[in-house]
């Protein structure tokens, strides 16, 4: 299937700013509109610049990355706390369970937003089919 546009004809989108905007919960295109309309529900389009956001395909990627980060941050911390203070098993279970849940809830939207920003910047999953109005306007 051929497209009416050429990838080389479209300007390069910077990846890092788009991912940072997405991680802050903002539109990866303009950085002003809200990316999410709920905790993890992505808005169909940016209310500020009109960029369509329904193309995103984050799926399970953010959840896997969140689990990877939380477990890799928590395991060494758990070992260090145990070696230094020798708390009871119940206090460690409660403390680290709560910590893992809170950290997961904080990281999940940021990771999902960053992944959506990456998809937008690389023109994945339909994000590059038509240039957005904000991209054609002069800054």
N, C-alpha and C. Protein backbone atom coordinates (compact mmCIF):
# COMPACT_ATOMS: atom_id res chain seq x y z
N UNK A 1 0.85 -1.18 0.00
CA UNK A 1 0.00 0.00 0.00
C UNK A 1 0.90 1.24 0.00
N UNK A 2 0.70 2.11 -0.95
CA UNK A 2 1.51 3.32 -1.03
C UNK A 2 0.75 4.48 -0.42
N UNK A 3 1.49 5.41 0.12
CA UNK A 3 0.90 6.59 0.73
C UNK A 3 1.09 7.78 -0.19
N UNK A 4 0.24 8.78 -0.04
CA UNK A 4 0.29 9.98 -0.87
C UNK A 4 1.40 10.91 -0.40
N UNK A 5 2.04 10.60 0.69
CA UNK A 5 3.09 11.45 1.21
C UNK A 5 4.39 10.66 1.26
N UNK A 6 5.47 11.37 1.36
CA UNK A 6 6.77 10.76 1.49
C UNK A 6 7.34 11.11 2.85
N UNK A 7 7.92 10.11 3.53
CA UNK A 7 8.51 10.37 4.84
C UNK A 7 9.62 11.40 4.77
N UNK A 8 10.34 11.44 3.65
CA UNK A 8 11.44 12.39 3.51
C UNK A 8 10.93 13.81 3.28
N UNK A 9 9.70 13.96 2.78
CA UNK A 9 9.15 15.29 2.51
C UNK A 9 8.69 15.97 3.80
N UNK A 10 8.41 15.19 4.83
CA UNK A 10 7.93 15.76 6.07
C UNK A 10 9.10 16.11 6.98
N UNK A 11 8.99 17.21 7.71
CA UNK A 11 10.10 17.60 8.60
C UNK A 11 10.27 16.61 9.75
N UNK A 12 11.48 16.50 10.23
CA UNK A 12 11.80 15.63 11.35
C UNK A 12 11.15 16.16 12.62
N UNK A 13 10.57 15.26 13.39
CA UNK A 13 9.99 15.64 14.68
C UNK A 13 10.99 15.25 15.77
N UNK A 14 11.35 16.18 16.65
CA UNK A 14 12.30 15.84 17.72
C UNK A 14 11.67 14.88 18.73
N UNK A 15 12.37 13.81 19.02
CA UNK A 15 11.84 12.74 19.87
C UNK A 15 11.83 13.14 21.35
N UNK A 16 12.95 13.67 21.84
CA UNK A 16 13.04 13.95 23.28
C UNK A 16 12.00 14.95 23.77
N UNK A 17 11.81 16.11 23.10
CA UNK A 17 10.76 17.03 23.58
C UNK A 17 9.36 16.42 23.52
N UNK A 18 9.09 15.62 22.49
CA UNK A 18 7.77 14.99 22.38
C UNK A 18 7.55 14.00 23.52
N UNK A 19 8.58 13.23 23.86
CA UNK A 19 8.45 12.28 24.96
C UNK A 19 8.32 12.99 26.30
N UNK A 20 9.05 14.09 26.48
CA UNK A 20 8.96 14.84 27.74
C UNK A 20 7.58 15.48 27.89
N UNK A 21 7.03 16.01 26.80
CA UNK A 21 5.67 16.58 26.86
C UNK A 21 4.67 15.49 27.21
N UNK A 22 4.79 14.34 26.55
CA UNK A 22 3.89 13.23 26.83
C UNK A 22 4.00 12.74 28.26
N UNK A 23 5.23 12.66 28.77
CA UNK A 23 5.44 12.21 30.15
C UNK A 23 4.82 13.17 31.16
N UNK A 24 4.72 14.44 30.81
CA UNK A 24 4.07 15.43 31.68
C UNK A 24 2.55 15.45 31.48
N UNK A 25 2.04 14.59 30.60
CA UNK A 25 0.60 14.52 30.37
C UNK A 25 0.10 15.59 29.41
N UNK A 26 0.98 16.10 28.58
CA UNK A 26 0.63 17.14 27.61
C UNK A 26 0.70 16.60 26.19
N UNK A 27 0.07 17.29 25.28
CA UNK A 27 0.08 16.92 23.87
C UNK A 27 1.52 16.88 23.37
N UNK A 28 1.93 15.81 22.68
CA UNK A 28 3.31 15.75 22.20
C UNK A 28 3.60 16.76 21.09
N UNK A 29 2.58 17.27 20.46
CA UNK A 29 2.75 18.23 19.37
C UNK A 29 2.97 19.65 19.89
N UNK A 30 2.03 20.14 20.69
CA UNK A 30 2.10 21.54 21.14
C UNK A 30 2.58 21.68 22.57
N UNK A 31 2.39 20.66 23.39
CA UNK A 31 2.80 20.73 24.79
C UNK A 31 1.85 21.51 25.67
N UNK A 32 0.72 21.95 25.14
CA UNK A 32 -0.21 22.76 25.93
C UNK A 32 -1.51 22.03 26.26
N UNK A 33 -2.04 21.28 25.32
CA UNK A 33 -3.29 20.56 25.56
C UNK A 33 -3.04 19.32 26.41
N UNK A 34 -4.10 18.84 27.04
CA UNK A 34 -3.99 17.65 27.90
C UNK A 34 -3.98 16.39 27.05
N UNK A 35 -3.07 15.47 27.37
CA UNK A 35 -2.98 14.19 26.67
C UNK A 35 -4.04 13.22 27.14
N UNK A 36 -4.30 13.22 28.45
CA UNK A 36 -5.25 12.27 29.02
C UNK A 36 -6.55 12.99 29.42
N UNK A 37 -7.66 12.28 29.21
CA UNK A 37 -8.95 12.81 29.67
C UNK A 37 -9.37 12.14 30.97
N UNK A 38 -8.60 11.20 31.42
CA UNK A 38 -8.80 10.54 32.70
C UNK A 38 -7.44 10.12 33.22
N UNK A 39 -7.41 9.08 34.04
CA UNK A 39 -6.12 8.61 34.58
C UNK A 39 -5.22 8.07 33.47
N UNK A 40 -5.76 7.19 32.61
CA UNK A 40 -4.99 6.64 31.49
C UNK A 40 -5.72 6.73 30.16
N UNK A 41 -6.90 7.31 30.13
CA UNK A 41 -7.68 7.43 28.90
C UNK A 41 -7.13 8.57 28.06
N UNK A 42 -6.68 8.24 26.85
CA UNK A 42 -6.09 9.24 25.97
C UNK A 42 -7.20 10.03 25.28
N UNK A 43 -7.06 11.34 25.24
CA UNK A 43 -8.01 12.19 24.54
C UNK A 43 -7.96 11.87 23.05
N UNK A 44 -9.09 11.89 22.37
CA UNK A 44 -9.08 11.61 20.92
C UNK A 44 -8.28 12.64 20.13
N UNK A 45 -8.29 13.88 20.58
CA UNK A 45 -7.55 14.95 19.90
C UNK A 45 -7.19 16.02 20.93
N UNK A 46 -6.14 16.76 20.63
CA UNK A 46 -5.72 17.85 21.51
C UNK A 46 -6.70 19.00 21.37
N UNK A 47 -7.16 19.52 22.49
CA UNK A 47 -8.10 20.65 22.46
C UNK A 47 -7.42 21.96 22.10
N UNK A 48 -6.11 22.01 22.22
CA UNK A 48 -5.38 23.25 21.94
C UNK A 48 -4.98 23.36 20.47
N UNK A 49 -4.32 22.31 19.93
CA UNK A 49 -3.81 22.40 18.55
C UNK A 49 -4.57 21.54 17.56
N UNK A 50 -5.44 20.65 18.04
CA UNK A 50 -6.23 19.82 17.15
C UNK A 50 -5.54 18.54 16.69
N UNK A 51 -4.33 18.27 17.17
CA UNK A 51 -3.61 17.05 16.79
C UNK A 51 -4.42 15.83 17.22
N UNK A 52 -4.63 14.91 16.28
CA UNK A 52 -5.37 13.69 16.59
C UNK A 52 -4.47 12.75 17.38
N UNK A 53 -4.95 12.29 18.49
CA UNK A 53 -4.17 11.43 19.38
C UNK A 53 -4.72 10.01 19.44
N UNK A 54 -5.81 9.75 18.74
CA UNK A 54 -6.43 8.43 18.81
C UNK A 54 -5.60 7.35 18.12
N UNK A 55 -4.55 7.75 17.39
CA UNK A 55 -3.71 6.78 16.69
C UNK A 55 -2.84 5.97 17.64
N UNK A 56 -2.64 6.44 18.86
CA UNK A 56 -1.69 5.81 19.78
C UNK A 56 -1.99 4.33 19.99
N UNK A 57 -0.93 3.57 20.12
CA UNK A 57 -1.03 2.14 20.38
C UNK A 57 -0.08 1.77 21.51
N UNK A 58 -0.33 2.31 22.69
CA UNK A 58 0.55 2.04 23.82
C UNK A 58 0.34 0.61 24.34
N UNK A 59 -0.88 0.13 24.32
CA UNK A 59 -1.24 -1.22 24.74
C UNK A 59 -0.63 -1.58 26.09
N UNK A 60 0.13 -2.67 26.16
CA UNK A 60 0.68 -3.16 27.43
C UNK A 60 2.10 -2.65 27.70
N UNK A 61 2.69 -1.94 26.77
CA UNK A 61 4.06 -1.46 26.93
C UNK A 61 4.30 -0.66 28.19
N UNK A 62 3.46 0.34 28.50
CA UNK A 62 3.67 1.11 29.73
C UNK A 62 3.59 0.27 31.00
N UNK A 63 2.69 -0.70 31.02
CA UNK A 63 2.57 -1.56 32.21
C UNK A 63 3.83 -2.40 32.40
N UNK A 64 4.35 -2.97 31.31
CA UNK A 64 5.57 -3.77 31.41
C UNK A 64 6.76 -2.92 31.85
N UNK A 65 6.89 -1.73 31.29
CA UNK A 65 7.99 -0.85 31.67
C UNK A 65 7.87 -0.39 33.12
N UNK A 66 6.64 -0.15 33.57
CA UNK A 66 6.42 0.25 34.96
C UNK A 66 6.83 -0.87 35.91
N UNK A 67 6.42 -2.09 35.61
CA UNK A 67 6.79 -3.23 36.44
C UNK A 67 8.30 -3.40 36.46
N UNK A 68 8.93 -3.25 35.30
CA UNK A 68 10.39 -3.38 35.22
C UNK A 68 11.09 -2.33 36.08
N UNK A 69 10.66 -1.08 35.98
CA UNK A 69 11.28 -0.01 36.76
C UNK A 69 11.04 -0.15 38.25
N UNK A 70 9.80 -0.42 38.64
CA UNK A 70 9.48 -0.53 40.07
C UNK A 70 10.23 -1.69 40.70
N UNK A 71 10.30 -2.82 40.01
CA UNK A 71 11.00 -3.96 40.59
C UNK A 71 12.50 -3.73 40.65
N UNK A 72 13.07 -3.08 39.65
CA UNK A 72 14.51 -2.81 39.67
C UNK A 72 14.88 -1.71 40.66
N UNK A 73 13.96 -0.81 40.93
CA UNK A 73 14.21 0.20 41.97
C UNK A 73 13.96 -0.36 43.36
N UNK A 74 12.96 -1.20 43.49
CA UNK A 74 12.56 -1.71 44.80
C UNK A 74 13.46 -2.79 45.35
N UNK A 75 13.96 -3.68 44.51
CA UNK A 75 14.75 -4.82 44.99
C UNK A 75 16.03 -4.39 45.71
N UNK A 76 16.86 -3.52 45.12
CA UNK A 76 18.06 -3.12 45.87
C UNK A 76 17.73 -2.32 47.13
N UNK A 77 16.69 -1.52 47.06
CA UNK A 77 16.28 -0.74 48.23
C UNK A 77 15.80 -1.68 49.34
N UNK A 78 15.04 -2.70 48.98
CA UNK A 78 14.56 -3.68 49.94
C UNK A 78 15.74 -4.38 50.62
N UNK A 79 16.73 -4.78 49.85
CA UNK A 79 17.90 -5.45 50.41
C UNK A 79 18.67 -4.51 51.34
N UNK A 80 18.84 -3.27 50.91
CA UNK A 80 19.58 -2.30 51.73
C UNK A 80 18.87 -2.04 53.06
N UNK A 81 17.57 -1.86 53.03
CA UNK A 81 16.79 -1.62 54.26
C UNK A 81 16.89 -2.83 55.19
N UNK A 82 16.77 -4.02 54.60
CA UNK A 82 16.85 -5.22 55.44
C UNK A 82 18.23 -5.36 56.08
N UNK A 83 19.28 -5.12 55.32
CA UNK A 83 20.64 -5.28 55.86
C UNK A 83 20.96 -4.22 56.91
N UNK A 84 20.45 -3.01 56.77
CA UNK A 84 20.77 -1.94 57.72
C UNK A 84 19.93 -2.00 58.99
N UNK A 85 18.63 -2.28 58.86
CA UNK A 85 17.73 -2.14 60.01
C UNK A 85 17.13 -3.45 60.52
N UNK A 86 17.15 -4.49 59.73
CA UNK A 86 16.55 -5.79 60.10
C UNK A 86 15.12 -5.66 60.62
N UNK A 87 14.23 -5.01 59.85
CA UNK A 87 12.83 -4.90 60.31
C UNK A 87 12.12 -6.25 60.23
N UNK A 88 10.96 -6.31 60.84
CA UNK A 88 10.19 -7.56 60.81
C UNK A 88 9.68 -7.81 59.39
N UNK A 89 9.37 -9.05 59.13
CA UNK A 89 8.88 -9.43 57.80
C UNK A 89 7.56 -8.71 57.47
N UNK A 90 6.71 -8.59 58.47
CA UNK A 90 5.41 -7.94 58.23
C UNK A 90 5.58 -6.46 57.90
N UNK A 91 6.45 -5.77 58.60
CA UNK A 91 6.64 -4.34 58.31
C UNK A 91 7.27 -4.15 56.93
N UNK A 92 8.16 -5.05 56.54
CA UNK A 92 8.74 -4.95 55.19
C UNK A 92 7.68 -5.25 54.13
N UNK A 93 6.87 -6.24 54.38
CA UNK A 93 5.82 -6.61 53.42
C UNK A 93 4.85 -5.45 53.22
N UNK A 94 4.39 -4.86 54.30
CA UNK A 94 3.44 -3.75 54.21
C UNK A 94 4.11 -2.52 53.59
N UNK A 95 5.28 -2.17 54.07
CA UNK A 95 5.97 -0.98 53.58
C UNK A 95 6.31 -1.05 52.10
N UNK A 96 6.89 -2.15 51.68
CA UNK A 96 7.30 -2.25 50.28
C UNK A 96 6.12 -2.51 49.35
N UNK A 97 5.07 -3.14 49.84
CA UNK A 97 3.86 -3.31 49.02
C UNK A 97 3.23 -1.95 48.74
N UNK A 98 3.08 -1.16 49.79
CA UNK A 98 2.51 0.18 49.60
C UNK A 98 3.41 1.04 48.71
N UNK A 99 4.71 0.95 48.92
CA UNK A 99 5.64 1.71 48.09
C UNK A 99 5.56 1.31 46.62
N UNK A 100 5.46 0.01 46.35
CA UNK A 100 5.37 -0.46 44.97
C UNK A 100 4.08 0.00 44.31
N UNK A 101 2.98 -0.04 45.04
CA UNK A 101 1.69 0.40 44.49
C UNK A 101 1.72 1.89 44.19
N UNK A 102 2.19 2.69 45.13
CA UNK A 102 2.23 4.15 44.94
C UNK A 102 3.17 4.51 43.78
N UNK A 103 4.34 3.91 43.75
CA UNK A 103 5.30 4.19 42.68
C UNK A 103 4.74 3.78 41.32
N UNK A 104 4.06 2.64 41.27
CA UNK A 104 3.45 2.18 40.02
C UNK A 104 2.37 3.15 39.54
N UNK A 105 1.53 3.61 40.47
CA UNK A 105 0.47 4.54 40.09
C UNK A 105 1.02 5.88 39.63
N UNK A 106 2.14 6.30 40.16
CA UNK A 106 2.76 7.56 39.73
C UNK A 106 3.48 7.42 38.39
N UNK A 107 4.15 6.29 38.18
CA UNK A 107 4.94 6.11 36.96
C UNK A 107 4.12 5.75 35.73
N UNK A 108 3.03 5.01 35.91
CA UNK A 108 2.28 4.50 34.76
C UNK A 108 1.80 5.58 33.79
N UNK A 109 1.15 6.66 34.24
CA UNK A 109 0.74 7.68 33.26
C UNK A 109 1.92 8.38 32.60
N UNK A 110 3.01 8.59 33.34
CA UNK A 110 4.18 9.26 32.76
C UNK A 110 4.82 8.38 31.69
N UNK A 111 4.92 7.10 31.94
CA UNK A 111 5.51 6.19 30.96
C UNK A 111 4.60 6.07 29.74
N UNK A 112 3.29 5.98 29.96
CA UNK A 112 2.36 5.90 28.82
C UNK A 112 2.43 7.17 27.99
N UNK A 113 2.47 8.33 28.63
CA UNK A 113 2.58 9.60 27.89
C UNK A 113 3.88 9.69 27.10
N UNK A 114 4.98 9.24 27.72
CA UNK A 114 6.26 9.24 27.01
C UNK A 114 6.25 8.33 25.81
N UNK A 115 5.61 7.17 25.94
CA UNK A 115 5.52 6.25 24.81
C UNK A 115 4.66 6.82 23.69
N UNK A 116 3.58 7.49 24.05
CA UNK A 116 2.74 8.13 23.03
C UNK A 116 3.51 9.26 22.35
N UNK A 117 4.29 10.02 23.11
CA UNK A 117 5.13 11.05 22.53
C UNK A 117 6.15 10.48 21.57
N UNK A 118 6.73 9.33 21.91
CA UNK A 118 7.67 8.67 21.01
C UNK A 118 6.99 8.24 19.72
N UNK A 119 5.79 7.66 19.83
CA UNK A 119 5.04 7.24 18.65
C UNK A 119 4.72 8.43 17.75
N UNK A 120 4.33 9.54 18.37
CA UNK A 120 4.01 10.74 17.59
C UNK A 120 5.25 11.26 16.87
N UNK A 121 6.38 11.33 17.58
CA UNK A 121 7.60 11.88 17.00
C UNK A 121 8.13 11.02 15.86
N UNK A 122 7.97 9.71 15.95
CA UNK A 122 8.46 8.81 14.91
C UNK A 122 7.41 8.52 13.85
N UNK A 123 6.24 9.19 13.94
CA UNK A 123 5.15 9.04 12.98
C UNK A 123 4.67 7.59 12.87
N UNK A 124 4.56 6.94 14.01
CA UNK A 124 4.11 5.55 14.05
C UNK A 124 2.59 5.47 14.14
N UNK A 125 2.03 4.40 13.64
CA UNK A 125 0.60 4.07 13.79
C UNK A 125 -0.34 5.15 13.29
N UNK A 126 -0.02 5.81 12.21
CA UNK A 126 -0.92 6.81 11.64
C UNK A 126 -0.67 8.22 12.09
N UNK A 127 0.29 8.47 12.98
CA UNK A 127 0.56 9.83 13.43
C UNK A 127 1.18 10.69 12.32
N UNK A 128 1.67 10.09 11.26
CA UNK A 128 2.31 10.87 10.20
C UNK A 128 1.53 10.95 8.92
N UNK A 129 0.27 10.45 8.92
CA UNK A 129 -0.47 10.40 7.67
C UNK A 129 -0.81 11.78 7.13
N UNK A 130 -1.09 12.72 8.01
CA UNK A 130 -1.37 14.10 7.58
C UNK A 130 -0.68 15.03 8.57
N UNK A 131 -0.01 16.07 8.07
CA UNK A 131 0.62 17.00 9.00
C UNK A 131 -0.43 17.75 9.81
N UNK A 132 -0.14 17.94 11.08
CA UNK A 132 -1.07 18.66 11.96
C UNK A 132 -1.02 20.14 11.65
N UNK A 133 -2.06 20.87 12.02
CA UNK A 133 -2.13 22.30 11.79
C UNK A 133 -1.03 23.03 12.55
N UNK A 134 -0.68 22.53 13.74
CA UNK A 134 0.33 23.20 14.57
C UNK A 134 1.73 23.09 13.96
N UNK A 135 1.96 22.00 13.18
CA UNK A 135 3.27 21.82 12.58
C UNK A 135 3.48 22.77 11.39
N UNK A 136 2.39 23.10 10.70
CA UNK A 136 2.54 23.96 9.52
C UNK A 136 2.58 25.43 9.89
N UNK A 137 2.11 25.77 11.08
CA UNK A 137 2.11 27.18 11.50
C UNK A 137 3.52 27.57 11.95
N UNK A 138 3.87 28.80 11.70
CA UNK A 138 5.18 29.30 12.12
C UNK A 138 5.18 29.55 13.62
N UNK A 139 6.31 29.25 14.31
CA UNK A 139 6.33 29.45 15.77
C UNK A 139 6.37 30.90 16.17
